[in-house]
Amino acid sequence: MVPKRLFFTKGAGRHKHELQSFELALRNAGIEKCNLVSVSSIVPSNCKIMTREKGIQLLKPGEITYCVMSRNKTNEPTRLIGASIGVAVPKEKNSYGYISEHHSFGEKAQKVGDYAEDLAATMLATTLGLDFDIEGAWDERKQEYKMSGRFVRTQSIVQTAQGDKNGLWTTVIAAAVFIEE
């Protein structure tokens, strides 16, 4: 089993019951009808990243669906929570990429997403045995990293939310969902 496609999604949910808030976050993300199996972090070579809308259309209720998921929750009023998925994929089609998940408290969306992207890029570089200086590798104009002469694109998806003012459970998720077809 090697997935051929991948999409990113996110969601948030609130409810008096913790599990129900998670279910509502899954619904918000459009993946509630799947039997989700958590996997680790490799994007197969030649795996096409598709839009959320197209990816969700390919899912069938009840199917076993592999994903990398970041999840966070709180019932503390106004506490800021975040969940993010970052991905780093070399421009060369025949090379694999790396996915990272990050969840945080008290950080705004931009910081949560940047951290997940930096983490994915760093982890990819170390698994490929490449020299990588995260501070000097970013090309602002091209919006990509350069690792030992190789160009790597990164992206992230982030969901943040503030805890409900009345103490309801608030859950946020971000996911990279694999499609095998």
Protein backbone atom coordinates (compact mmCIF):
# COMPACT_ATOMS: atom_id res chain seq x y z
CA MET A 1 0.00 0.00 0.00
CA VAL A 2 1.58 3.22 -1.18
CA PRO A 3 -0.71 6.27 -1.29
CA LYS A 4 -0.78 8.12 -4.59
CA ARG A 5 -2.52 11.26 -3.37
CA LEU A 6 -2.73 13.39 -0.26
CA PHE A 7 -4.82 16.31 0.97
CA PHE A 8 -4.84 18.55 4.02
CA THR A 9 -7.80 19.47 6.16
CA LYS A 10 -8.59 21.09 9.49
CA GLY A 11 -11.49 21.56 11.86
CA ALA A 12 -12.71 22.74 15.24
CA GLY A 13 -15.52 21.59 17.51
CA ARG A 14 -17.10 22.56 20.84
CA HIS A 15 -19.30 20.50 23.11
CA LYS A 16 -19.88 19.77 26.77
CA HIS A 17 -18.41 16.28 26.23
CA GLU A 18 -14.77 15.95 25.21
CA LEU A 19 -15.35 13.12 22.72
CA GLN A 20 -18.24 14.96 21.07
CA SER A 21 -16.08 18.05 20.59
CA PHE A 22 -13.54 15.84 18.77
CA GLU A 23 -16.32 14.38 16.60
CA LEU A 24 -17.47 17.90 15.71
CA ALA A 25 -13.90 18.86 14.76
CA LEU A 26 -13.77 15.79 12.48
CA ARG A 27 -17.09 16.84 10.91
CA ASN A 28 -15.79 20.36 10.40
CA ALA A 29 -12.76 18.85 8.67
CA GLY A 30 -14.95 16.59 6.48
CA ILE A 31 -13.39 13.29 7.61
CA GLU A 32 -15.88 12.11 10.24
CA LYS A 33 -17.24 9.22 8.16
CA CYS A 34 -13.86 7.46 7.91
CA ASN A 35 -12.16 4.96 10.17
CA LEU A 36 -9.00 6.95 10.76
CA VAL A 37 -5.68 5.20 11.25
CA SER A 38 -2.82 7.32 12.46
CA VAL A 39 0.45 6.85 10.60
CA SER A 40 3.84 8.51 10.83
CA SER A 41 5.34 11.04 8.60
CA ILE A 42 6.53 10.07 5.12
CA VAL A 43 5.05 11.46 1.90
CA PRO A 44 5.73 8.77 -0.74
CA SER A 45 7.65 9.81 -3.84
CA ASN A 46 5.39 10.95 -6.69
CA CYS A 47 2.48 11.45 -4.25
CA LYS A 48 0.27 14.23 -5.60
CA ILE A 49 -1.03 16.85 -3.17
CA MET A 50 -4.63 17.64 -4.03
CA THR A 51 -7.23 20.09 -2.75
CA ARG A 52 -9.33 19.34 0.30
CA GLU A 53 -12.51 19.44 -1.78
CA LYS A 54 -11.28 16.85 -4.30
CA GLY A 55 -9.84 14.65 -1.56
CA ILE A 56 -13.03 14.57 0.51
CA GLN A 57 -15.02 13.59 -2.60
CA LEU A 58 -12.87 10.46 -2.94
CA LEU A 59 -13.55 9.23 0.61
CA LYS A 60 -16.16 6.54 1.19
CA PRO A 61 -18.09 6.20 4.47
CA GLY A 62 -16.56 3.50 6.65
CA GLU A 63 -13.32 3.13 4.73
CA ILE A 64 -10.02 2.70 6.53
CA THR A 65 -8.29 6.03 6.00
CA TYR A 66 -4.65 6.68 6.83
CA CYS A 67 -3.68 10.11 8.08
CA VAL A 68 -1.15 12.11 10.04
CA MET A 69 -3.15 14.12 12.58
CA SER A 70 -2.40 16.87 15.05
CA ARG A 71 -5.01 17.27 17.77
CA ASN A 72 -5.38 19.58 20.74
CA LYS A 73 -8.15 20.26 23.23
CA THR A 74 -9.04 22.39 26.23
CA ASN A 75 -11.93 23.15 28.53
CA GLU A 76 -10.19 26.21 29.99
CA PRO A 77 -12.11 29.37 29.13
CA THR A 78 -10.35 31.52 26.49
CA ARG A 79 -7.19 29.38 26.37
CA LEU A 80 -5.71 29.54 22.85
CA ILE A 81 -4.98 26.14 21.31
CA GLY A 82 -3.55 25.16 17.96
CA ALA A 83 -2.97 22.12 15.78
CA SER A 84 -0.88 22.10 12.62
CA ILE A 85 0.48 19.80 9.97
CA GLY A 86 3.62 20.84 8.11
CA VAL A 87 5.01 19.19 5.01
CA ALA A 88 8.36 19.40 3.24
CA VAL A 89 8.59 17.91 -0.26
CA PRO A 90 11.66 18.06 -2.53
CA LYS A 91 11.04 19.46 -6.01
CA GLU A 92 12.46 16.25 -7.50
CA LYS A 93 9.46 14.00 -8.13
CA ASN A 94 11.24 10.76 -7.25
CA SER A 95 12.14 11.80 -3.70
CA TYR A 96 9.99 11.29 -0.65
CA GLY A 97 8.84 14.10 1.64
CA TYR A 98 8.19 14.51 5.33
CA ILE A 99 5.15 15.48 7.39
CA SER A 100 5.27 16.91 10.90
CA GLU A 101 2.50 17.50 13.39
CA HIS A 102 2.56 20.22 16.00
CA HIS A 103 0.06 21.20 18.67
CA SER A 104 0.46 24.16 20.98
CA PHE A 105 -1.03 26.40 23.60
CA GLY A 106 -0.96 30.20 23.49
CA GLU A 107 0.45 30.56 19.96
CA LYS A 108 -1.17 32.35 17.04
CA ALA A 109 -1.78 30.50 13.75
CA GLN A 110 1.22 31.92 11.88
CA LYS A 111 3.66 30.78 14.56
CA VAL A 112 2.07 27.32 14.81
CA GLY A 113 2.24 26.84 11.03
CA ASP A 114 5.79 28.17 10.66
CA TYR A 115 6.98 25.83 13.41
CA ALA A 116 5.36 22.80 11.71
CA GLU A 117 6.96 23.70 8.36
CA ASP A 118 10.40 24.25 9.90
CA LEU A 119 10.10 20.95 11.77
CA ALA A 120 9.12 19.06 8.59
CA ALA A 121 12.04 20.59 6.67
CA THR A 122 14.53 19.81 9.43
CA MET A 123 13.31 16.24 9.80
CA LEU A 124 13.43 15.68 6.03
CA ALA A 125 17.00 16.97 5.87
CA THR A 126 18.16 14.72 8.69
CA THR A 127 16.49 11.60 7.21
CA LEU A 128 18.12 12.33 3.83
CA GLY A 129 21.49 12.99 5.50
CA LEU A 130 21.66 16.54 4.14
CA ASP A 131 23.41 19.52 5.70
CA PHE A 132 20.71 21.99 6.67
CA ASP A 133 20.86 25.33 8.43
CA ILE A 134 17.25 26.36 8.99
CA GLU A 135 18.20 30.01 9.47
CA GLY A 136 20.17 30.31 6.22
CA ALA A 137 18.29 27.88 3.99
CA TRP A 138 15.03 29.83 3.45
CA ASP A 139 14.68 31.72 0.16
CA GLU A 140 12.03 34.38 0.85
CA ARG A 141 11.57 35.28 -2.81
CA LYS A 142 11.07 31.66 -3.97
CA GLN A 143 9.29 30.62 -0.75
CA GLU A 144 11.32 27.42 -0.49
CA TYR A 145 14.25 25.90 1.39
CA LYS A 146 17.56 24.91 -0.16
CA MET A 147 19.21 21.80 1.33
CA SER A 148 22.62 20.78 0.02
CA GLY A 149 21.69 22.04 -3.46
CA ARG A 150 18.17 20.54 -3.41
CA PHE A 151 15.07 22.72 -3.35
CA VAL A 152 12.30 21.82 -0.95
CA ARG A 153 8.82 23.31 -0.81
CA THR A 154 6.95 23.50 2.46
CA GLN A 155 3.40 24.25 3.44
CA SER A 156 1.20 23.90 6.49
CA ILE A 157 -2.39 23.79 7.55
CA VAL A 158 -3.35 25.24 10.92
CA GLN A 159 -6.45 25.28 13.09
CA THR A 160 -6.56 27.48 16.17
CA ALA A 161 -9.37 28.28 18.56
CA GLN A 162 -9.94 29.86 21.93
CA GLY A 163 -11.43 27.74 24.65
CA ASP A 164 -15.15 28.31 25.12
CA LYS A 165 -15.85 31.11 27.60
CA ASN A 166 -18.26 28.83 29.51
CA GLY A 167 -15.83 25.90 29.75
CA LEU A 168 -17.17 23.66 26.97
CA TRP A 169 -14.58 21.33 25.50
CA THR A 170 -12.92 22.85 22.46
CA THR A 171 -10.97 20.58 20.09
CA VAL A 172 -8.87 21.52 17.06
CA ILE A 173 -7.41 19.15 14.48
CA ALA A 174 -5.23 19.38 11.39
CA ALA A 175 -4.64 16.35 9.20
CA ALA A 176 -2.79 15.09 6.16
CA VAL A 177 -5.10 12.46 4.66
CA PHE A 178 -3.77 9.79 2.29
CA ILE A 179 -5.74 8.50 -0.71
CA GLU A 180 -4.66 5.17 -2.21
CA GLU A 181 -6.60 5.23 -5.50
